Amino acid sequence: MAIIKELDTKFGLQASYHRITAFNISYTKKTIVLCVATYLSKEARENNSEPIEEIDIEIPQFDYHTFLDVNPIERGYLWLKENLVGFEDAEDDFDSVEPSPLIEGSSDE
């Protein structure tokens, strides 16, 4: 899953593919941190490109309870769309985009 939305990056480029790449929840401290990676496009992600940016987003403690007893990644995407400026009208991408593995020993000769 990912979010598709044209946003400006710190490099002055527009990027459109954003996905949660890490999720950390501390049940004792009641804290949640999402790592969101931004790619130029879905195609860039499919082609094994590195993300342009990766940012950690700390979820406010008053929203902690909304992540309990649900799929935390799905809730994370919903939280991003409800709370981050720019993501409010973003499109969900439910396709599983996993880069194709590189096959050792293959060549294009």
N, C-alpha and C. Protein backbone atom coordinates (compact mmCIF):
# COMPACT_ATOMS: atom_id res chain seq x y z
N MET A 1 0.84 -1.18 0.00
CA MET A 1 0.00 0.00 0.00
C MET A 1 0.89 1.24 0.00
N ALA A 2 0.37 2.30 -0.53
CA ALA A 2 1.08 3.58 -0.57
C ALA A 2 0.06 4.69 -0.78
N ILE A 3 0.57 5.90 -0.77
CA ILE A 3 -0.26 7.07 -1.05
C ILE A 3 0.30 7.74 -2.30
N ILE A 4 -0.59 8.07 -3.22
CA ILE A 4 -0.17 8.76 -4.43
C ILE A 4 -0.66 10.20 -4.35
N LYS A 5 0.30 11.12 -4.38
CA LYS A 5 -0.02 12.55 -4.30
C LYS A 5 1.22 13.34 -4.70
N GLU A 6 1.07 14.26 -5.64
CA GLU A 6 2.17 15.12 -6.06
C GLU A 6 2.49 16.11 -4.94
N LEU A 7 3.70 16.04 -4.42
CA LEU A 7 4.15 16.96 -3.38
C LEU A 7 5.57 17.42 -3.71
N ASP A 8 5.91 18.62 -3.28
CA ASP A 8 7.26 19.12 -3.46
C ASP A 8 8.19 18.48 -2.43
N THR A 9 9.41 18.19 -2.85
CA THR A 9 10.43 17.67 -1.94
C THR A 9 11.36 18.80 -1.54
N LYS A 10 12.24 18.51 -0.61
CA LYS A 10 13.22 19.52 -0.19
C LYS A 10 14.23 19.82 -1.29
N PHE A 11 14.24 19.01 -2.34
CA PHE A 11 15.15 19.22 -3.46
C PHE A 11 14.51 20.03 -4.58
N GLY A 12 13.26 20.45 -4.38
CA GLY A 12 12.57 21.22 -5.40
C GLY A 12 11.94 20.38 -6.50
N LEU A 13 11.92 19.09 -6.30
CA LEU A 13 11.31 18.18 -7.26
C LEU A 13 9.92 17.79 -6.78
N GLN A 14 9.06 17.46 -7.72
CA GLN A 14 7.75 16.93 -7.36
C GLN A 14 7.86 15.41 -7.31
N ALA A 15 7.35 14.83 -6.24
CA ALA A 15 7.34 13.37 -6.08
C ALA A 15 5.92 12.95 -5.79
N SER A 16 5.57 11.73 -6.22
CA SER A 16 4.17 11.35 -6.12
C SER A 16 3.89 10.05 -5.38
N TYR A 17 4.90 9.32 -4.96
CA TYR A 17 4.67 8.01 -4.36
C TYR A 17 5.26 7.99 -2.95
N HIS A 18 4.40 7.75 -1.97
CA HIS A 18 4.81 7.83 -0.57
C HIS A 18 4.35 6.56 0.14
N ARG A 19 5.29 5.91 0.83
CA ARG A 19 4.91 4.67 1.51
C ARG A 19 5.55 4.59 2.89
N ILE A 20 4.84 3.94 3.79
CA ILE A 20 5.37 3.70 5.13
C ILE A 20 6.35 2.55 5.02
N THR A 21 7.60 2.81 5.42
CA THR A 21 8.63 1.79 5.33
C THR A 21 9.01 1.23 6.69
N ALA A 22 8.63 1.91 7.75
CA ALA A 22 8.89 1.41 9.10
C ALA A 22 7.83 1.95 10.04
N PHE A 23 7.54 1.16 11.04
CA PHE A 23 6.51 1.51 12.01
C PHE A 23 7.03 1.07 13.36
N ASN A 24 7.06 2.00 14.32
CA ASN A 24 7.53 1.67 15.66
C ASN A 24 6.47 2.08 16.66
N ILE A 25 6.05 1.14 17.47
CA ILE A 25 5.07 1.44 18.51
C ILE A 25 5.64 0.96 19.84
N SER A 26 5.62 1.85 20.82
CA SER A 26 6.04 1.50 22.17
C SER A 26 4.79 1.46 23.03
N TYR A 27 4.43 0.25 23.45
CA TYR A 27 3.24 0.10 24.27
C TYR A 27 3.46 0.61 25.68
N THR A 28 4.70 0.59 26.16
CA THR A 28 4.96 1.10 27.51
C THR A 28 4.98 2.63 27.54
N LYS A 29 5.58 3.24 26.52
CA LYS A 29 5.64 4.71 26.48
C LYS A 29 4.45 5.33 25.75
N LYS A 30 3.66 4.46 25.08
CA LYS A 30 2.51 4.91 24.30
C LYS A 30 2.92 5.93 23.22
N THR A 31 3.96 5.55 22.47
CA THR A 31 4.44 6.39 21.38
C THR A 31 4.44 5.60 20.08
N ILE A 32 4.26 6.32 18.98
CA ILE A 32 4.26 5.71 17.65
C ILE A 32 5.07 6.60 16.72
N VAL A 33 5.93 5.98 15.93
CA VAL A 33 6.69 6.70 14.91
C VAL A 33 6.55 5.96 13.59
N LEU A 34 6.18 6.70 12.56
CA LEU A 34 6.10 6.17 11.20
C LEU A 34 7.27 6.70 10.39
N CYS A 35 7.89 5.87 9.60
CA CYS A 35 8.89 6.34 8.65
C CYS A 35 8.24 6.31 7.28
N VAL A 36 8.19 7.46 6.62
CA VAL A 36 7.57 7.57 5.31
C VAL A 36 8.67 7.85 4.28
N ALA A 37 8.73 6.98 3.27
CA ALA A 37 9.68 7.15 2.18
C ALA A 37 8.94 7.75 0.98
N THR A 38 9.59 8.70 0.32
CA THR A 38 9.01 9.36 -0.85
C THR A 38 9.85 9.03 -2.07
N TYR A 39 9.15 8.59 -3.11
CA TYR A 39 9.78 8.25 -4.39
C TYR A 39 9.26 9.22 -5.46
N LEU A 40 10.03 9.42 -6.52
CA LEU A 40 9.58 10.29 -7.60
C LEU A 40 8.23 9.83 -8.14
N SER A 41 8.06 8.51 -8.28
CA SER A 41 6.82 7.97 -8.85
C SER A 41 6.70 6.51 -8.45
N LYS A 42 5.56 5.95 -8.76
CA LYS A 42 5.35 4.52 -8.55
C LYS A 42 6.32 3.72 -9.41
N GLU A 43 6.54 4.19 -10.61
CA GLU A 43 7.46 3.51 -11.52
C GLU A 43 8.88 3.50 -10.96
N ALA A 44 9.28 4.60 -10.33
CA ALA A 44 10.61 4.65 -9.71
C ALA A 44 10.73 3.59 -8.62
N ARG A 45 9.69 3.44 -7.83
CA ARG A 45 9.68 2.41 -6.78
C ARG A 45 9.77 1.02 -7.40
N GLU A 46 8.99 0.78 -8.45
CA GLU A 46 9.00 -0.52 -9.12
C GLU A 46 10.37 -0.84 -9.72
N ASN A 47 11.12 0.19 -10.10
CA ASN A 47 12.43 0.02 -10.74
C ASN A 47 13.59 0.05 -9.74
N ASN A 48 13.30 -0.22 -8.48
CA ASN A 48 14.33 -0.32 -7.43
C ASN A 48 15.03 0.99 -7.11
N SER A 49 14.44 2.13 -7.45
CA SER A 49 15.06 3.41 -7.12
C SER A 49 15.05 3.63 -5.61
N GLU A 50 16.04 4.34 -5.14
CA GLU A 50 16.08 4.72 -3.73
C GLU A 50 15.07 5.84 -3.49
N PRO A 51 14.53 5.94 -2.30
CA PRO A 51 13.63 7.07 -2.02
C PRO A 51 14.38 8.40 -2.05
N ILE A 52 13.67 9.44 -2.44
CA ILE A 52 14.25 10.78 -2.45
C ILE A 52 14.40 11.29 -1.02
N GLU A 53 13.38 11.02 -0.22
CA GLU A 53 13.37 11.45 1.18
C GLU A 53 12.81 10.33 2.04
N GLU A 54 13.26 10.29 3.27
CA GLU A 54 12.67 9.43 4.28
C GLU A 54 12.54 10.28 5.53
N ILE A 55 11.33 10.37 6.04
CA ILE A 55 11.13 11.17 7.24
C ILE A 55 10.41 10.35 8.31
N ASP A 56 10.78 10.59 9.55
CA ASP A 56 10.10 9.98 10.68
C ASP A 56 9.02 10.94 11.16
N ILE A 57 7.84 10.41 11.33
CA ILE A 57 6.71 11.22 11.79
C ILE A 57 6.23 10.65 13.11
N GLU A 58 6.31 11.46 14.14
CA GLU A 58 5.86 11.04 15.46
C GLU A 58 4.37 11.33 15.60
N ILE A 59 3.61 10.30 15.91
CA ILE A 59 2.17 10.44 16.09
C ILE A 59 1.92 11.03 17.48
N PRO A 60 1.10 12.06 17.59
CA PRO A 60 0.82 12.63 18.91
C PRO A 60 0.22 11.58 19.86
N GLN A 61 0.60 11.67 21.10
CA GLN A 61 0.17 10.67 22.07
C GLN A 61 -1.36 10.58 22.19
N PHE A 62 -2.06 11.68 21.96
CA PHE A 62 -3.52 11.63 22.06
C PHE A 62 -4.16 10.80 20.94
N ASP A 63 -3.40 10.47 19.88
CA ASP A 63 -3.91 9.60 18.82
C ASP A 63 -3.47 8.14 19.01
N TYR A 64 -2.67 7.87 20.02
CA TYR A 64 -2.14 6.52 20.26
C TYR A 64 -3.26 5.48 20.28
N HIS A 65 -4.32 5.75 20.98
CA HIS A 65 -5.40 4.77 21.15
C HIS A 65 -6.06 4.38 19.82
N THR A 66 -5.98 5.23 18.80
CA THR A 66 -6.61 4.91 17.52
C THR A 66 -5.84 3.84 16.75
N PHE A 67 -4.64 3.52 17.20
CA PHE A 67 -3.81 2.50 16.55
C PHE A 67 -3.96 1.13 17.21
N LEU A 68 -4.72 1.05 18.28
CA LEU A 68 -4.89 -0.22 18.98
C LEU A 68 -6.00 -1.04 18.36
N ASP A 69 -5.83 -2.33 18.32
CA ASP A 69 -6.83 -3.28 17.82
C ASP A 69 -7.21 -3.05 16.36
N VAL A 70 -6.31 -2.49 15.57
CA VAL A 70 -6.51 -2.30 14.14
C VAL A 70 -5.20 -2.65 13.44
N ASN A 71 -5.23 -2.72 12.12
CA ASN A 71 -4.00 -2.90 11.36
C ASN A 71 -3.24 -1.57 11.45
N PRO A 72 -2.11 -1.52 12.14
CA PRO A 72 -1.43 -0.24 12.37
C PRO A 72 -0.92 0.44 11.11
N ILE A 73 -0.55 -0.34 10.09
CA ILE A 73 -0.07 0.26 8.85
C ILE A 73 -1.23 0.94 8.12
N GLU A 74 -2.36 0.24 8.00
CA GLU A 74 -3.53 0.86 7.36
C GLU A 74 -3.95 2.11 8.13
N ARG A 75 -3.94 2.02 9.45
CA ARG A 75 -4.29 3.18 10.29
C ARG A 75 -3.28 4.30 10.07
N GLY A 76 -2.02 3.95 9.88
CA GLY A 76 -0.98 4.95 9.63
C GLY A 76 -1.25 5.76 8.37
N TYR A 77 -1.64 5.07 7.29
CA TYR A 77 -1.96 5.78 6.06
C TYR A 77 -3.18 6.69 6.26
N LEU A 78 -4.18 6.18 6.95
CA LEU A 78 -5.36 7.00 7.22
C LEU A 78 -4.98 8.22 8.06
N TRP A 79 -4.14 8.01 9.07
CA TRP A 79 -3.70 9.12 9.93
C TRP A 79 -2.97 10.17 9.10
N LEU A 80 -2.09 9.74 8.20
CA LEU A 80 -1.36 10.69 7.35
C LEU A 80 -2.33 11.54 6.55
N LYS A 81 -3.34 10.90 5.95
CA LYS A 81 -4.30 11.63 5.12
C LYS A 81 -5.18 12.56 5.95
N GLU A 82 -5.43 12.20 7.19
CA GLU A 82 -6.28 13.03 8.05
C GLU A 82 -5.51 14.17 8.72
N ASN A 83 -4.19 14.06 8.84
CA ASN A 83 -3.45 14.98 9.68
C ASN A 83 -2.30 15.75 9.03
N LEU A 84 -1.80 15.29 7.90
CA LEU A 84 -0.68 16.00 7.28
C LEU A 84 -1.17 16.87 6.14
N VAL A 85 -0.77 18.12 6.17
CA VAL A 85 -1.12 19.05 5.10
C VAL A 85 -0.54 18.53 3.79
N GLY A 86 -1.37 18.46 2.78
CA GLY A 86 -0.96 17.96 1.48
C GLY A 86 -1.47 16.56 1.20
N PHE A 87 -1.65 15.75 2.23
CA PHE A 87 -2.11 14.38 2.03
C PHE A 87 -3.63 14.24 2.12
N GLU A 88 -4.34 15.32 2.46
CA GLU A 88 -5.78 15.20 2.74
C GLU A 88 -6.59 14.63 1.58
N ASP A 89 -6.22 14.87 0.35
CA ASP A 89 -6.98 14.33 -0.78
C ASP A 89 -6.14 13.34 -1.60
N ALA A 90 -5.21 12.69 -0.93
CA ALA A 90 -4.34 11.73 -1.59
C ALA A 90 -5.10 10.47 -1.97
N GLU A 91 -4.61 9.82 -3.01
CA GLU A 91 -5.19 8.58 -3.50
C GLU A 91 -4.46 7.39 -2.88
N ASP A 92 -5.22 6.39 -2.44
CA ASP A 92 -4.60 5.17 -1.92
C ASP A 92 -4.17 4.29 -3.09
N ASP A 93 -3.02 3.67 -2.94
CA ASP A 93 -2.55 2.70 -3.92
C ASP A 93 -2.47 1.37 -3.20
N PHE A 94 -3.41 0.49 -3.51
CA PHE A 94 -3.49 -0.79 -2.84
C PHE A 94 -2.65 -1.87 -3.51
N ASP A 95 -2.02 -1.55 -4.64
CA ASP A 95 -1.16 -2.53 -5.32
C ASP A 95 0.05 -2.82 -4.45
N SER A 96 0.49 -4.04 -4.48
CA SER A 96 1.73 -4.40 -3.79
C SER A 96 2.86 -4.17 -4.78
N VAL A 97 3.64 -3.17 -4.51
CA VAL A 97 4.75 -2.84 -5.41
C VAL A 97 6.04 -3.25 -4.72
N GLU A 98 6.47 -4.44 -5.02
CA GLU A 98 7.75 -4.90 -4.51
C GLU A 98 8.69 -4.99 -5.69
N PRO A 99 9.84 -4.36 -5.58
CA PRO A 99 10.77 -4.41 -6.71
C PRO A 99 11.12 -5.84 -7.07
N SER A 100 11.30 -6.10 -8.36
CA SER A 100 11.68 -7.45 -8.76
C SER A 100 13.12 -7.71 -8.32
N PRO A 101 13.35 -8.92 -7.80
CA PRO A 101 14.70 -9.23 -7.32
C PRO A 101 15.69 -9.28 -8.47
N LEU A 102 16.90 -8.87 -8.18
CA LEU A 102 17.96 -8.96 -9.18
C LEU A 102 18.42 -10.41 -9.24
N ILE A 103 18.57 -10.92 -10.42
CA ILE A 103 18.99 -12.30 -10.59
C ILE A 103 20.48 -12.31 -10.87
N GLU A 104 21.22 -12.94 -9.97
CA GLU A 104 22.67 -13.00 -10.13
C GLU A 104 23.03 -13.85 -11.33
N GLY A 105 24.06 -13.44 -12.03
CA GLY A 105 24.56 -14.22 -13.16
C GLY A 105 23.84 -13.97 -14.47
N SER A 106 22.77 -13.15 -14.44
CA SER A 106 22.09 -12.88 -15.70
C SER A 106 22.76 -11.70 -16.38
N SER A 107 22.70 -11.70 -17.69
CA SER A 107 23.29 -10.59 -18.44
C SER A 107 22.43 -10.32 -19.66
N ASP A 108 22.64 -9.18 -20.24
CA ASP A 108 21.87 -8.77 -21.42
C ASP A 108 22.70 -8.89 -22.69
N GLU A 109 23.54 -9.91 -22.77
CA GLU A 109 24.41 -10.08 -23.93
C GLU A 109 23.69 -10.66 -25.10
